[in-house]
Amino acid sequence: MATAKYKRGADGYFSTNVWDGTYIAGGKKHYKHLRSKKSSKDLEKKVKEFEDNVK
């Protein structure tokens, strides 16, 4: 049986931060917050689409 890559938070959403390829002052990476109400698989799909757009 497969396990979910992302877990549901206390607010009921699956969420993660994804690097958008830019930096902020001080050399820190800038992250975009992505979330999904549907499922972990849906969030994985959104992350993959976002990373493809960044490339």
PDB file of N, CA and C in Angstrom:
ATOM      1  N   MET A   1       0.837  -1.185   0.000  1.00  0.00           N
ATOM      2  CA  MET A   1       0.000   0.000   0.000  1.00  0.00           C
ATOM      3  C   MET A   1       0.880   1.246   0.000  1.00  0.00           C
ATOM      4  N   ALA A   2       0.541   2.199  -0.819  1.00  0.00           N
ATOM      5  CA  ALA A   2       1.311   3.434  -0.923  1.00  0.00           C
ATOM      6  C   ALA A   2       0.999   4.353   0.249  1.00  0.00           C
ATOM      7  N   THR A   3       2.007   5.139   0.640  1.00  0.00           N
ATOM      8  CA  THR A   3       1.789   6.122   1.698  1.00  0.00           C
ATOM      9  C   THR A   3       1.759   7.512   1.080  1.00  0.00           C
ATOM     10  N   ALA A   4       1.028   8.402   1.700  1.00  0.00           N
ATOM     11  CA  ALA A   4       0.899   9.768   1.199  1.00  0.00           C
ATOM     12  C   ALA A   4       2.206  10.526   1.415  1.00  0.00           C
ATOM     13  N   LYS A   5       2.577  11.328   0.447  1.00  0.00           N
ATOM     14  CA  LYS A   5       3.798  12.122   0.550  1.00  0.00           C
ATOM     15  C   LYS A   5       3.590  13.303   1.495  1.00  0.00           C
ATOM     16  N   TYR A   6       2.392  13.876   1.479  1.00  0.00           N
ATOM     17  CA  TYR A   6       2.063  15.016   2.329  1.00  0.00           C
ATOM     18  C   TYR A   6       0.958  14.616   3.294  1.00  0.00           C
ATOM     19  N   LYS A   7       1.011  15.157   4.506  1.00  0.00           N
ATOM     20  CA  LYS A   7      -0.005  14.841   5.509  1.00  0.00           C
ATOM     21  C   LYS A   7      -0.956  16.020   5.676  1.00  0.00           C
ATOM     22  N   ARG A   8      -2.175  15.709   6.064  1.00  0.00           N
ATOM     23  CA  ARG A   8      -3.191  16.730   6.287  1.00  0.00           C
ATOM     24  C   ARG A   8      -2.864  17.498   7.573  1.00  0.00           C
ATOM     25  N   GLY A   9      -2.911  18.818   7.492  1.00  0.00           N
ATOM     26  CA  GLY A   9      -2.640  19.662   8.648  1.00  0.00           C
ATOM     27  C   GLY A   9      -3.868  19.785   9.534  1.00  0.00           C
ATOM     28  N   ALA A  10      -3.720  20.467  10.642  1.00  0.00           N
ATOM     29  CA  ALA A  10      -4.813  20.666  11.586  1.00  0.00           C
ATOM     30  C   ALA A  10      -5.961  21.462  10.964  1.00  0.00           C
ATOM     31  N   ASP A  11      -5.646  22.268   9.946  1.00  0.00           N
ATOM     32  CA  ASP A  11      -6.683  23.064   9.269  1.00  0.00           C
ATOM     33  C   ASP A  11      -7.413  22.276   8.183  1.00  0.00           C
ATOM     34  N   GLY A  12      -6.998  21.012   7.950  1.00  0.00           N
ATOM     35  CA  GLY A  12      -7.670  20.170   6.973  1.00  0.00           C
ATOM     36  C   GLY A  12      -7.081  20.231   5.572  1.00  0.00           C
ATOM     37  N   TYR A  13      -6.022  21.015   5.382  1.00  0.00           N
ATOM     38  CA  TYR A  13      -5.390  21.163   4.071  1.00  0.00           C
ATOM     39  C   TYR A  13      -4.069  20.401   4.028  1.00  0.00           C
ATOM     40  N   PHE A  14      -3.718  19.941   2.842  1.00  0.00           N
ATOM     41  CA  PHE A  14      -2.388  19.424   2.575  1.00  0.00           C
ATOM     42  C   PHE A  14      -1.585  20.626   2.088  1.00  0.00           C
ATOM     43  N   SER A  15      -0.392  20.865   2.644  1.00  0.00           N
ATOM     44  CA  SER A  15       0.353  22.050   2.235  1.00  0.00           C
ATOM     45  C   SER A  15       1.850  21.798   2.250  1.00  0.00           C
ATOM     46  N   THR A  16       2.551  22.631   1.474  1.00  0.00           N
ATOM     47  CA  THR A  16       4.005  22.577   1.402  1.00  0.00           C
ATOM     48  C   THR A  16       4.523  23.904   0.888  1.00  0.00           C
ATOM     49  N   ASN A  17       5.817  24.129   1.065  1.00  0.00           N
ATOM     50  CA  ASN A  17       6.483  25.298   0.510  1.00  0.00           C
ATOM     51  C   ASN A  17       7.396  24.832  -0.608  1.00  0.00           C
ATOM     52  N   VAL A  18       7.359  25.545  -1.747  1.00  0.00           N
ATOM     53  CA  VAL A  18       8.146  25.186  -2.918  1.00  0.00           C
ATOM     54  C   VAL A  18       8.992  26.381  -3.318  1.00  0.00           C
ATOM     55  N   TRP A  19      10.288  26.133  -3.581  1.00  0.00           N
ATOM     56  CA  TRP A  19      11.185  27.205  -3.994  1.00  0.00           C
ATOM     57  C   TRP A  19      10.838  27.664  -5.389  1.00  0.00           C
ATOM     58  N   ASP A  20      10.695  28.984  -5.576  1.00  0.00           N
ATOM     59  CA  ASP A  20      10.298  29.515  -6.884  1.00  0.00           C
ATOM     60  C   ASP A  20      11.481  29.944  -7.749  1.00  0.00           C
ATOM     61  N   GLY A  21      12.698  29.643  -7.332  1.00  0.00           N
ATOM     62  CA  GLY A  21      13.871  29.926  -8.141  1.00  0.00           C
ATOM     63  C   GLY A  21      14.473  31.297  -7.935  1.00  0.00           C
ATOM     64  N   THR A  22      13.953  32.078  -6.985  1.00  0.00           N
ATOM     65  CA  THR A  22      14.483  33.413  -6.728  1.00  0.00           C
ATOM     66  C   THR A  22      15.011  33.490  -5.299  1.00  0.00           C
ATOM     67  N   TYR A  23      15.733  34.577  -5.050  1.00  0.00           N
ATOM     68  CA  TYR A  23      16.297  34.819  -3.722  1.00  0.00           C
ATOM     69  C   TYR A  23      15.801  36.151  -3.187  1.00  0.00           C
ATOM     70  N   ILE A  24      15.736  36.265  -1.863  1.00  0.00           N
ATOM     71  CA  ILE A  24      15.392  37.536  -1.220  1.00  0.00           C
ATOM     72  C   ILE A  24      16.664  38.137  -0.633  1.00  0.00           C
ATOM     73  N   ALA A  25      16.559  39.307  -0.054  1.00  0.00           N
ATOM     74  CA  ALA A  25      17.725  39.979   0.509  1.00  0.00           C
ATOM     75  C   ALA A  25      18.422  39.073   1.523  1.00  0.00           C
ATOM     76  N   GLY A  26      19.715  39.091   1.493  1.00  0.00           N
ATOM     77  CA  GLY A  26      20.486  38.262   2.411  1.00  0.00           C
ATOM     78  C   GLY A  26      20.782  36.880   1.853  1.00  0.00           C
ATOM     79  N   GLY A  27      20.370  36.610   0.621  1.00  0.00           N
ATOM     80  CA  GLY A  27      20.682  35.342  -0.014  1.00  0.00           C
ATOM     81  C   GLY A  27      19.771  34.187   0.333  1.00  0.00           C
ATOM     82  N   LYS A  28      18.667  34.444   1.039  1.00  0.00           N
ATOM     83  CA  LYS A  28      17.727  33.371   1.368  1.00  0.00           C
ATOM     84  C   LYS A  28      16.841  33.049   0.171  1.00  0.00           C
ATOM     85  N   LYS A  29      16.466  31.792   0.053  1.00  0.00           N
ATOM     86  CA  LYS A  29      15.586  31.375  -1.028  1.00  0.00           C
ATOM     87  C   LYS A  29      14.156  31.871  -0.769  1.00  0.00           C
ATOM     88  N   HIS A  30      13.442  32.233  -1.829  1.00  0.00           N
ATOM     89  CA  HIS A  30      12.047  32.660  -1.718  1.00  0.00           C
ATOM     90  C   HIS A  30      11.150  31.467  -2.026  1.00  0.00           C
ATOM     91  N   TYR A  31      10.241  31.152  -1.121  1.00  0.00           N
ATOM     92  CA  TYR A  31       9.360  29.998  -1.266  1.00  0.00           C
ATOM     93  C   TYR A  31       7.924  30.422  -1.508  1.00  0.00           C
ATOM     94  N   LYS A  32       7.185  29.608  -2.259  1.00  0.00           N
ATOM     95  CA  LYS A  32       5.755  29.812  -2.512  1.00  0.00           C
ATOM     96  C   LYS A  32       5.005  28.732  -1.742  1.00  0.00           C
ATOM     97  N   HIS A  33       3.961  29.128  -1.034  1.00  0.00           N
ATOM     98  CA  HIS A  33       3.150  28.200  -0.257  1.00  0.00           C
ATOM     99  C   HIS A  33       2.047  27.630  -1.156  1.00  0.00           C
ATOM    100  N   LEU A  34       2.036  26.309  -1.299  1.00  0.00           N
ATOM    101  CA  LEU A  34       0.991  25.643  -2.077  1.00  0.00           C
ATOM    102  C   LEU A  34       0.175  24.771  -1.148  1.00  0.00           C
ATOM    103  N   ARG A  35      -1.148  24.684  -1.411  1.00  0.00           N
ATOM    104  CA  ARG A  35      -2.006  23.850  -0.574  1.00  0.00           C
ATOM    105  C   ARG A  35      -3.159  23.283  -1.376  1.00  0.00           C
ATOM    106  N   SER A  36      -3.698  22.182  -0.868  1.00  0.00           N
ATOM    107  CA  SER A  36      -4.800  21.509  -1.535  1.00  0.00           C
ATOM    108  C   SER A  36      -5.758  20.958  -0.493  1.00  0.00           C
ATOM    109  N   LYS A  37      -7.021  21.121  -0.730  1.00  0.00           N
ATOM    110  CA  LYS A  37      -8.042  20.583   0.161  1.00  0.00           C
ATOM    111  C   LYS A  37      -8.364  19.140  -0.210  1.00  0.00           C
ATOM    112  N   LYS A  38      -8.119  18.756  -1.480  1.00  0.00           N
ATOM    113  CA  LYS A  38      -8.556  17.461  -1.994  1.00  0.00           C
ATOM    114  C   LYS A  38      -7.744  16.285  -1.464  1.00  0.00           C
ATOM    115  N   SER A  39      -6.442  16.230  -1.805  1.00  0.00           N
ATOM    116  CA  SER A  39      -5.647  15.062  -1.446  1.00  0.00           C
ATOM    117  C   SER A  39      -4.158  15.357  -1.559  1.00  0.00           C
ATOM    118  N   SER A  40      -3.362  14.435  -1.045  1.00  0.00           N
ATOM    119  CA  SER A  40      -1.922  14.530  -1.157  1.00  0.00           C
ATOM    120  C   SER A  40      -1.502  14.411  -2.613  1.00  0.00           C
ATOM    121  N   LYS A  41      -2.146  13.534  -3.358  1.00  0.00           N
ATOM    122  CA  LYS A  41      -1.828  13.348  -4.779  1.00  0.00           C
ATOM    123  C   LYS A  41      -2.107  14.625  -5.563  1.00  0.00           C
ATOM    124  N   ASP A  42      -3.195  15.322  -5.257  1.00  0.00           N
ATOM    125  CA  ASP A  42      -3.511  16.575  -5.927  1.00  0.00           C
ATOM    126  C   ASP A  42      -2.431  17.618  -5.643  1.00  0.00           C
ATOM    127  N   LEU A  43      -1.950  17.665  -4.405  1.00  0.00           N
ATOM    128  CA  LEU A  43      -0.884  18.601  -4.051  1.00  0.00           C
ATOM    129  C   LEU A  43       0.406  18.235  -4.792  1.00  0.00           C
ATOM    130  N   GLU A  44       0.728  16.960  -4.899  1.00  0.00           N
ATOM    131  CA  GLU A  44       1.900  16.526  -5.663  1.00  0.00           C
ATOM    132  C   GLU A  44       1.806  17.012  -7.111  1.00  0.00           C
ATOM    133  N   LYS A  45       0.617  16.929  -7.688  1.00  0.00           N
ATOM    134  CA  LYS A  45       0.386  17.378  -9.059  1.00  0.00           C
ATOM    135  C   LYS A  45       0.626  18.882  -9.173  1.00  0.00           C
ATOM    136  N   LYS A  46       0.126  19.657  -8.199  1.00  0.00           N
ATOM    137  CA  LYS A  46       0.315  21.108  -8.209  1.00  0.00           C
ATOM    138  C   LYS A  46       1.798  21.469  -8.079  1.00  0.00           C
ATOM    139  N   VAL A  47       2.515  20.756  -7.213  1.00  0.00           N
ATOM    140  CA  VAL A  47       3.947  21.003  -7.024  1.00  0.00           C
ATOM    141  C   VAL A  47       4.699  20.713  -8.318  1.00  0.00           C
ATOM    142  N   LYS A  48       4.394  19.604  -8.972  1.00  0.00           N
ATOM    143  CA  LYS A  48       5.051  19.235 -10.224  1.00  0.00           C
ATOM    144  C   LYS A  48       4.789  20.291 -11.307  1.00  0.00           C
ATOM    145  N   GLU A  49       3.552  20.758 -11.428  1.00  0.00           N
ATOM    146  CA  GLU A  49       3.213  21.800 -12.407  1.00  0.00           C
ATOM    147  C   GLU A  49       3.971  23.086 -12.119  1.00  0.00           C
ATOM    148  N   PHE A  50       4.055  23.465 -10.830  1.00  0.00           N
ATOM    149  CA  PHE A  50       4.748  24.690 -10.442  1.00  0.00           C
ATOM    150  C   PHE A  50       6.233  24.578 -10.775  1.00  0.00           C
ATOM    151  N   GLU A  51       6.852  23.431 -10.458  1.00  0.00           N
ATOM    152  CA  GLU A  51       8.276  23.247 -10.743  1.00  0.00           C
ATOM    153  C   GLU A  51       8.543  23.249 -12.243  1.00  0.00           C
ATOM    154  N   ASP A  52       7.639  22.698 -13.040  1.00  0.00           N
ATOM    155  CA  ASP A  52       7.791  22.717 -14.484  1.00  0.00           C
ATOM    156  C   ASP A  52       7.736  24.151 -15.024  1.00  0.00           C
ATOM    157  N   ASN A  53       6.859  24.981 -14.454  1.00  0.00           N
ATOM    158  CA  ASN A  53       6.749  26.380 -14.867  1.00  0.00           C
ATOM    159  C   ASN A  53       7.997  27.175 -14.495  1.00  0.00           C
ATOM    160  N   VAL A  54       8.607  26.831 -13.355  1.00  0.00           N
ATOM    161  CA  VAL A  54       9.815  27.534 -12.919  1.00  0.00           C
ATOM    162  C   VAL A  54      10.974  27.232 -13.869  1.00  0.00           C
ATOM    163  N   LYS A  55      11.044  26.001 -14.338  1.00  0.00           N
ATOM    164  CA  LYS A  55      12.118  25.615 -15.267  1.00  0.00           C
ATOM    165  C   LYS A  55      11.900  26.302 -16.579  1.00  0.00           C
TER     166      LYS A  55
END
